[in-house]
Amino acid sequence: MRHELKTWPGVFLDTLAGIKLFEIRVNDRDFNVGDILCLREWSPSAQEYTGASCERRVTYLLQGRFGLPANLCVMQLEEAAEAPEVKP
């Protein structure tokens, strides 16, 4: 499944650079291993998308363990090979 998600500029750039390899999200979309996250950079000051985006595949999902609230999940990400990246 493919999910489009807003991502703030600082963490978006870290994801794009390969520094941030995870997402912590409320699991209100039934995220699963193998899903594709389309991360779209969102400007909170302008209240609009910047046009930059990247796609990542979920390779591991942790939920409901180690003190995480039941509604939160941590997803390990890798580049989605077939997904072209749009540079900022």
C-alpha atoms as a PDB file:
ATOM      1  CA  MET A   1       0.000   0.000   0.000  1.00  0.00           C
ATOM      2  CA  ARG A   2       1.129   3.570  -0.672  1.00  0.00           C
ATOM      3  CA  HIS A   3       0.700   6.354   1.919  1.00  0.00           C
ATOM      4  CA  GLU A   4       1.200  10.088   1.294  1.00  0.00           C
ATOM      5  CA  LEU A   5       2.486  11.869   4.407  1.00  0.00           C
ATOM      6  CA  LYS A   6       3.363  15.460   5.300  1.00  0.00           C
ATOM      7  CA  THR A   7       6.936  15.861   6.509  1.00  0.00           C
ATOM      8  CA  TRP A   8       8.455  18.993   8.057  1.00  0.00           C
ATOM      9  CA  PRO A   9      11.532  20.466   6.287  1.00  0.00           C
ATOM     10  CA  GLY A  10      14.327  19.513   8.743  1.00  0.00           C
ATOM     11  CA  VAL A  11      13.400  15.857   9.062  1.00  0.00           C
ATOM     12  CA  PHE A  12      12.560  15.668   5.351  1.00  0.00           C
ATOM     13  CA  LEU A  13      16.095  16.756   4.414  1.00  0.00           C
ATOM     14  CA  ASP A  14      17.597  14.252   6.907  1.00  0.00           C
ATOM     15  CA  THR A  15      15.500  11.475   5.332  1.00  0.00           C
ATOM     16  CA  LEU A  16      16.502  12.556   1.829  1.00  0.00           C
ATOM     17  CA  ALA A  17      20.192  12.569   2.863  1.00  0.00           C
ATOM     18  CA  GLY A  18      19.911   9.048   4.312  1.00  0.00           C
ATOM     19  CA  ILE A  19      20.595  10.216   7.891  1.00  0.00           C
ATOM     20  CA  LYS A  20      17.072   9.558   9.218  1.00  0.00           C
ATOM     21  CA  LEU A  21      16.055   5.981   8.454  1.00  0.00           C
ATOM     22  CA  PHE A  22      12.851   5.788  10.503  1.00  0.00           C
ATOM     23  CA  GLU A  23       9.417   7.342  10.953  1.00  0.00           C
ATOM     24  CA  ILE A  24       7.420   7.604  14.165  1.00  0.00           C
ATOM     25  CA  ARG A  25       3.736   8.005  13.398  1.00  0.00           C
ATOM     26  CA  VAL A  26       0.282   7.479  14.797  1.00  0.00           C
ATOM     27  CA  ASN A  27      -0.758   4.232  13.126  1.00  0.00           C
ATOM     28  CA  ASP A  28      -4.132   5.430  11.914  1.00  0.00           C
ATOM     29  CA  ARG A  29      -3.461   4.095   8.400  1.00  0.00           C
ATOM     30  CA  ASP A  30      -2.683   0.445   9.203  1.00  0.00           C
ATOM     31  CA  PHE A  31       0.987   0.718   8.192  1.00  0.00           C
ATOM     32  CA  ASN A  32       2.681  -2.591   7.356  1.00  0.00           C
ATOM     33  CA  VAL A  33       6.075  -3.894   6.290  1.00  0.00           C
ATOM     34  CA  GLY A  34       6.369  -3.466   2.527  1.00  0.00           C
ATOM     35  CA  ASP A  35       4.272  -0.301   2.388  1.00  0.00           C
ATOM     36  CA  ILE A  36       5.599   2.702   0.460  1.00  0.00           C
ATOM     37  CA  LEU A  37       5.627   6.068   2.208  1.00  0.00           C
ATOM     38  CA  CYS A  38       5.507   9.071  -0.095  1.00  0.00           C
ATOM     39  CA  LEU A  39       7.032  11.738   2.137  1.00  0.00           C
ATOM     40  CA  ARG A  40       6.063  15.212   0.919  1.00  0.00           C
ATOM     41  CA  GLU A  41       7.882  18.208   2.362  1.00  0.00           C
ATOM     42  CA  TRP A  42       5.427  20.581   4.060  1.00  0.00           C
ATOM     43  CA  SER A  43       6.200  24.191   4.951  1.00  0.00           C
ATOM     44  CA  PRO A  44       4.455  24.971   8.243  1.00  0.00           C
ATOM     45  CA  SER A  45       5.057  28.712   7.814  1.00  0.00           C
ATOM     46  CA  ALA A  46       3.593  28.861   4.278  1.00  0.00           C
ATOM     47  CA  GLN A  47       0.996  26.171   5.045  1.00  0.00           C
ATOM     48  CA  GLU A  48       1.689  24.401   1.747  1.00  0.00           C
ATOM     49  CA  TYR A  49       3.756  21.644   0.171  1.00  0.00           C
ATOM     50  CA  THR A  50       7.152  22.725  -1.162  1.00  0.00           C
ATOM     51  CA  GLY A  51       7.023  20.343  -4.136  1.00  0.00           C
ATOM     52  CA  ALA A  52       9.869  18.154  -2.823  1.00  0.00           C
ATOM     53  CA  SER A  53       9.140  14.504  -2.081  1.00  0.00           C
ATOM     54  CA  CYS A  54      10.775  11.113  -1.709  1.00  0.00           C
ATOM     55  CA  GLU A  55       9.533   7.557  -1.372  1.00  0.00           C
ATOM     56  CA  ARG A  56      10.648   5.033   1.219  1.00  0.00           C
ATOM     57  CA  ARG A  57       9.682   1.398   1.836  1.00  0.00           C
ATOM     58  CA  VAL A  58       8.827   0.164   5.339  1.00  0.00           C
ATOM     59  CA  THR A  59      11.196  -2.706   6.212  1.00  0.00           C
ATOM     60  CA  TYR A  60      10.366  -3.103   9.909  1.00  0.00           C
ATOM     61  CA  LEU A  61       7.477  -1.953  12.091  1.00  0.00           C
ATOM     62  CA  LEU A  62       7.427  -1.760  15.880  1.00  0.00           C
ATOM     63  CA  GLN A  63       4.154  -1.110  17.700  1.00  0.00           C
ATOM     64  CA  GLY A  64       2.743  -1.718  21.174  1.00  0.00           C
ATOM     65  CA  ARG A  65       6.040  -2.787  22.744  1.00  0.00           C
ATOM     66  CA  PHE A  66       8.868  -1.309  24.811  1.00  0.00           C
ATOM     67  CA  GLY A  67       6.731   1.462  26.270  1.00  0.00           C
ATOM     68  CA  LEU A  68       5.351   2.804  22.985  1.00  0.00           C
ATOM     69  CA  PRO A  69       1.756   3.962  23.282  1.00  0.00           C
ATOM     70  CA  ALA A  70      -0.535   1.499  21.479  1.00  0.00           C
ATOM     71  CA  ASN A  71      -1.444   3.988  18.756  1.00  0.00           C
ATOM     72  CA  LEU A  72       2.175   4.881  17.807  1.00  0.00           C
ATOM     73  CA  CYS A  73       4.510   2.928  15.576  1.00  0.00           C
ATOM     74  CA  VAL A  74       8.166   3.186  14.614  1.00  0.00           C
ATOM     75  CA  MET A  75       8.947   2.229  11.029  1.00  0.00           C
ATOM     76  CA  GLN A  76      12.398   1.436   9.676  1.00  0.00           C
ATOM     77  CA  LEU A  77      12.780   2.744   6.126  1.00  0.00           C
ATOM     78  CA  GLU A  78      14.836   2.091   3.015  1.00  0.00           C
ATOM     79  CA  GLU A  79      14.859   3.803  -0.349  1.00  0.00           C
ATOM     80  CA  ALA A  80      12.114   2.526  -2.598  1.00  0.00           C
ATOM     81  CA  ALA A  81      14.194   1.524  -5.632  1.00  0.00           C
ATOM     82  CA  GLU A  82      11.481   2.029  -8.206  1.00  0.00           C
ATOM     83  CA  ALA A  83      10.484   5.429  -6.823  1.00  0.00           C
ATOM     84  CA  PRO A  84      12.096   8.472  -8.435  1.00  0.00           C
ATOM     85  CA  GLU A  85      13.216  11.170  -6.008  1.00  0.00           C
ATOM     86  CA  VAL A  86      12.433  14.838  -6.413  1.00  0.00           C
ATOM     87  CA  LYS A  87      15.229  16.965  -5.022  1.00  0.00           C
ATOM     88  CA  PRO A  88      14.364  20.195  -3.191  1.00  0.00           C
END
